[in-house]
Structures are given as structure tokens and as C-alpha cells.
Protein backbone atom coordinates (compact mmCIF):
# COMPACT_ATOMS: atom_id res chain seq x y z
CA MET A 1 153.13 138.18 144.24
CA VAL A 2 152.65 138.69 140.19
CA ALA A 3 154.09 141.91 139.38
CA LEU A 4 152.43 143.42 136.36
CA GLY A 5 154.14 144.19 132.83
CA HIS A 6 153.64 147.84 131.88
CA ARG A 7 151.67 146.28 129.13
CA GLU A 8 149.62 144.27 131.26
CA VAL A 9 149.29 147.67 133.20
CA VAL A 10 148.15 150.12 130.58
CA LYS A 11 145.86 146.93 128.68
CA SER A 12 144.09 146.24 132.43
CA ALA A 13 143.49 149.95 132.25
CA GLY A 14 141.67 149.47 128.80
CA MET A 15 143.75 152.03 127.60
CA THR A 16 145.21 151.82 123.89
CA ALA A 17 146.81 154.75 121.21
CA PRO A 18 143.15 155.93 119.73
CA GLU A 19 141.49 156.58 123.38
CA LEU A 20 144.60 159.41 123.64
CA GLY A 21 142.08 162.72 123.41
CA GLY A 22 141.58 165.68 126.22
CA ARG A 23 138.73 165.36 128.49
CA GLY A 24 137.24 168.51 127.92
CA ASP A 25 135.43 170.49 130.30
CA SER A 26 133.28 172.80 127.95
CA SER A 27 129.84 172.05 127.92
CA ALA A 28 130.77 172.30 124.02
CA ALA A 29 133.65 169.57 124.92
CA ARG A 30 130.93 168.00 126.39
CA SER A 31 128.33 167.36 123.84
CA GLN A 32 130.38 165.83 121.88
CA GLU A 33 131.93 163.29 123.85
CA SER A 34 130.70 160.07 123.14
CA PRO A 35 128.38 158.19 125.28
CA VAL A 36 131.98 155.52 126.43
CA THR A 37 133.53 158.83 127.54
CA ARG A 38 130.15 160.54 129.14
CA ILE A 39 130.47 157.03 131.42
CA ARG A 40 134.47 157.16 132.03
CA THR A 41 133.93 160.82 132.80
CA LYS A 42 131.12 159.96 135.49
CA LEU A 43 133.36 156.32 136.21
CA LEU A 44 136.69 158.88 137.34
CA ASP A 45 134.38 161.58 138.89
CA ASP A 46 132.84 158.78 141.50
CA PHE A 47 136.17 157.23 142.01
CA LEU A 48 137.55 160.91 142.89
CA ILE A 49 134.39 161.39 145.09
CA HIS A 50 135.72 158.49 147.58
CA HIS A 51 139.17 159.16 146.49
CA PRO A 52 139.79 162.34 146.59
CA LEU A 53 143.05 164.26 145.11
CA ARG A 54 144.78 166.48 147.18
CA SER A 55 143.69 169.88 147.36
CA SER A 56 146.24 172.66 146.58
CA ARG A 57 146.96 176.80 147.34
CA LEU A 58 145.77 177.27 143.65
CA ASP A 59 142.16 175.57 143.60
CA GLU A 60 141.44 177.76 146.54
CA ILE A 61 142.17 180.58 144.90
CA VAL A 62 140.16 179.46 142.06
CA ASP A 63 137.11 178.75 143.94
CA ALA A 64 136.96 182.23 145.64
CA PHE A 65 136.92 184.32 141.64
CA ARG A 66 134.27 181.92 141.05
CA ARG A 67 132.18 182.90 143.99
CA ARG A 68 133.26 186.37 142.82
CA ILE A 69 130.73 188.56 140.65
CA SER A 70 132.19 187.98 137.58
CA GLY A 71 134.93 185.80 138.18
CA THR A 72 136.70 188.99 139.53
CA ALA A 73 138.88 190.61 142.58
CA HIS A 74 141.39 192.04 144.48
CA VAL A 75 144.18 189.77 145.92
CA ARG A 76 143.52 191.42 149.31
CA ASP A 77 139.41 190.46 149.36
CA LEU A 78 140.66 187.18 148.88
CA VAL A 79 143.46 186.92 151.35
CA LEU A 80 140.88 188.30 154.02
CA GLU A 81 138.29 185.63 152.32
CA LEU A 82 140.65 182.74 152.54
CA TRP A 83 143.17 182.87 155.34
CA GLY A 84 140.98 185.72 157.66
CA ASP A 85 142.80 188.95 158.93
CA ASN A 86 145.23 186.66 160.43
CA ASP A 87 149.05 188.69 158.80
CA VAL A 88 147.36 189.90 155.55
CA ASP A 89 150.27 192.14 154.91
CA SER A 90 152.95 189.44 154.58
CA ILE A 91 150.08 186.76 152.56
CA GLU A 92 149.13 189.06 150.55
CA PRO A 93 152.37 189.08 148.32
CA ALA A 94 152.79 184.95 147.58
CA ILE A 95 149.21 185.08 146.61
CA THR A 96 149.83 187.83 144.24
CA ARG A 97 153.24 186.39 143.25
CA GLN A 98 150.90 182.85 142.21
CA ILE A 99 148.35 184.15 141.21
CA ASP A 100 151.04 185.99 138.55
CA ASP A 101 152.63 182.35 138.06
CA TYR A 102 148.94 181.72 135.71
CA CYS A 103 148.37 185.54 134.47
CA SER A 104 149.60 186.54 131.05
CA ASN A 105 149.87 189.69 131.48
CA ALA A 106 152.46 189.15 134.15
CA PRO A 107 156.19 190.20 132.95
CA ASP A 108 157.46 187.18 133.86
CA PHE A 109 154.78 184.75 132.21
CA ASN A 110 156.87 182.22 129.82
CA ARG A 111 154.11 178.86 130.13
CA PRO A 112 152.10 177.40 127.94
CA LYS A 113 148.79 178.89 127.61
CA ALA A 114 146.98 176.05 129.55
CA TYR A 115 148.56 177.78 132.16
CA ASP A 116 147.25 181.26 131.80
CA LEU A 117 144.00 181.15 134.02
CA PHE A 118 143.58 184.65 135.05
CA GLU A 119 143.81 188.77 133.37
CA GLN A 120 145.04 191.49 135.08
CA VAL A 121 142.53 193.84 135.07
CA ALA A 122 143.76 196.78 137.46
CA PRO A 123 146.45 196.88 140.22
CA THR A 124 146.47 193.94 142.26
CA THR A 125 143.38 192.62 140.88
CA TYR A 126 142.79 189.98 138.38
CA ARG A 127 139.90 187.89 136.30
CA LEU A 128 139.55 184.03 136.11
CA ARG A 129 139.52 183.82 132.71
CA CYS A 130 136.78 180.87 132.29
CA TYR A 131 134.46 182.03 134.57
CA PRO A 132 132.00 181.10 135.83
CA ASN A 133 133.65 177.58 134.65
CA LYS A 134 136.76 176.02 136.10
CA PRO A 135 139.98 176.11 134.64
CA ASP A 136 141.13 172.29 134.74
CA LEU A 137 143.84 172.31 137.22
CA LEU A 138 144.18 168.75 136.98
CA GLU A 139 146.55 168.58 134.21
CA LEU A 140 149.27 171.46 135.84
CA PHE A 141 149.87 169.38 138.54
CA PRO A 142 151.19 165.45 139.27
CA ILE A 143 148.75 163.26 140.40
CA GLN A 144 148.37 163.22 144.19
CA PHE A 145 146.18 161.87 146.63
CA GLU A 146 144.72 162.54 150.03
CA GLU A 147 145.00 158.77 150.93
CA PRO A 148 148.71 157.55 151.57
CA SER A 149 147.85 153.99 150.53
CA ILE A 150 146.08 155.26 147.53
CA GLN A 151 148.64 157.42 146.96
CA SER A 152 151.16 155.02 146.96
CA SER A 153 148.82 152.38 144.79
CA TRP A 154 148.66 155.14 142.52
CA LEU A 155 152.46 155.77 142.69
CA LEU A 156 153.40 151.99 141.53
CA PHE A 157 151.09 151.82 138.53
CA ALA A 158 152.44 154.86 137.07
CA SER A 159 155.88 153.07 137.55
CA LYS A 160 154.60 149.63 135.88
CA ALA A 161 152.54 152.25 133.41
CA ARG A 162 155.50 155.21 132.55
CA GLU A 163 157.30 152.45 129.78
CA ASP A 164 154.06 152.52 127.29
CA HIS A 165 154.51 154.95 124.51
CA CYS A 166 150.44 155.41 125.34
CA TRP A 167 150.58 156.40 129.02
CA LYS A 168 153.45 158.57 127.44
CA LEU A 169 150.27 160.71 125.51
CA ALA A 170 147.89 160.31 127.76
CA SER A 171 146.69 163.21 130.28
CA ASN A 172 146.58 163.94 133.55
CA TRP A 173 142.78 162.62 133.07
CA GLN A 174 143.12 159.62 130.91
CA LYS A 175 145.33 158.16 133.46
CA LEU A 176 143.52 158.26 136.73
CA SER A 177 140.74 156.57 134.22
CA ALA A 178 143.13 154.07 134.20
CA PHE A 179 144.66 153.65 137.21
CA ALA A 180 140.51 153.83 138.69
CA LYS A 181 139.57 150.83 136.17
CA THR A 182 141.69 148.86 138.30
CA MET A 183 140.71 149.39 141.70
CA PRO A 184 138.95 147.42 143.81
CA GLY A 185 135.44 147.82 143.53
CA GLU A 186 135.52 150.02 140.62
CA SER A 187 134.40 149.41 136.60
CA GLU A 188 135.02 146.80 134.60
CA THR A 189 138.53 145.69 135.15
CA PRO A 190 140.27 143.29 137.70
CA SER A 191 142.24 145.32 139.97
CA ILE A 192 146.43 145.02 139.70
CA LEU A 193 146.71 144.79 143.86
CA ARG A 194 144.70 142.30 143.37
CA LYS A 195 146.83 140.24 140.67
CA GLN A 196 149.95 141.05 142.86
CA ASN A 197 148.55 139.30 145.58
CA ALA A 198 147.24 136.44 143.60
């Protein structure tokens, strides 16, 4: 087994300091992307179709807001839609608290702007700020795959890459792009796993 150092991991993924920039989910940001960035975005999107990330309750909540007219909903309606009418009274406060964690109108909100996803428009009624678009939740949480084998590969890859300064500056999207390029059957670089088993 040949172990790769952190520099080889980042190099094999093709990550360099000039590539560090945000993905941008807005159509204006996407129209300014280079053809190389669009290809890399497509590669990552294809990779995530086959190896999905673990979804969170926040993903479900955001998706429910996006199905609403103007992206606005009362928390009770969201709870009924997502979890049915079983025990609504005990679920509603937890969902309200979670939405408040991502709402700058909440009195105890003290997070960076990227975490400001909702606007309170009435008591327990909120609006998704970026409606009809979906916010880039990828950057808000640690990366976790649904498949345990892919999650293990990710943790190995990330542990080797963490020491590189490019890795520390990279967004989660860039880290996932680098990881996807090292997986068997993905894009142009050989897999870190195949190199380790050589």
C-alpha cells in the first residue's frame, strides 16, 4: 500500500490557489463562469447523483418553502406537509427554532450572512429569502455522504488534504470537486484509492 502525502492528494485533484473561488448558484454568477468551471460543475453534479450527500431536515424545510407561492409559509403548514398531522404541537416549536437559527430577524441570530436564509414576515410565518432559488446549503454543513463506503473514502481523502493551504481556503464545493476527480470512473485523474492499493 502506497500512502499519498497531502500535497499529492491536492495535486492529484488538480486544485491550485488560483482556482479558489465560490461556486455561485445565481444565474448571473453561472453566466460568468468559465467553460472549465461549467465542466467541473457538471462533473460534480453527476458525481453527486450517483453518490448523494446525506440530506438534512433543513434541506426538507427549504424544499417545502420553494414549493410555496412566493416562498412563504406558516410553520404549522410546513410541519403538516412534511411530517403529517402526528404530534404537530410538539414538532412545531423545534421547526420554528431551526428556522430561527437561519433567520436574521430572530433576536438571537448571530451568524454570518450566508446563514441568513429566511425572513420572518409574521409570527411563525417565514419567507425563503432567495425564493425561487435554492440556497447553497453545501457550504453551511460538514460534508457527509449517504453511502458509508464513500463517506470513509471522503474522510481519508480530506484527512490527507487538510494540511495543504489550498485545502484550507477551499469551499466545500471545491473540496467535493477535488474528491470527485479522484474517484474511480470519474474525470481525468486516477483515484487516490487505486494509488494506495498499488
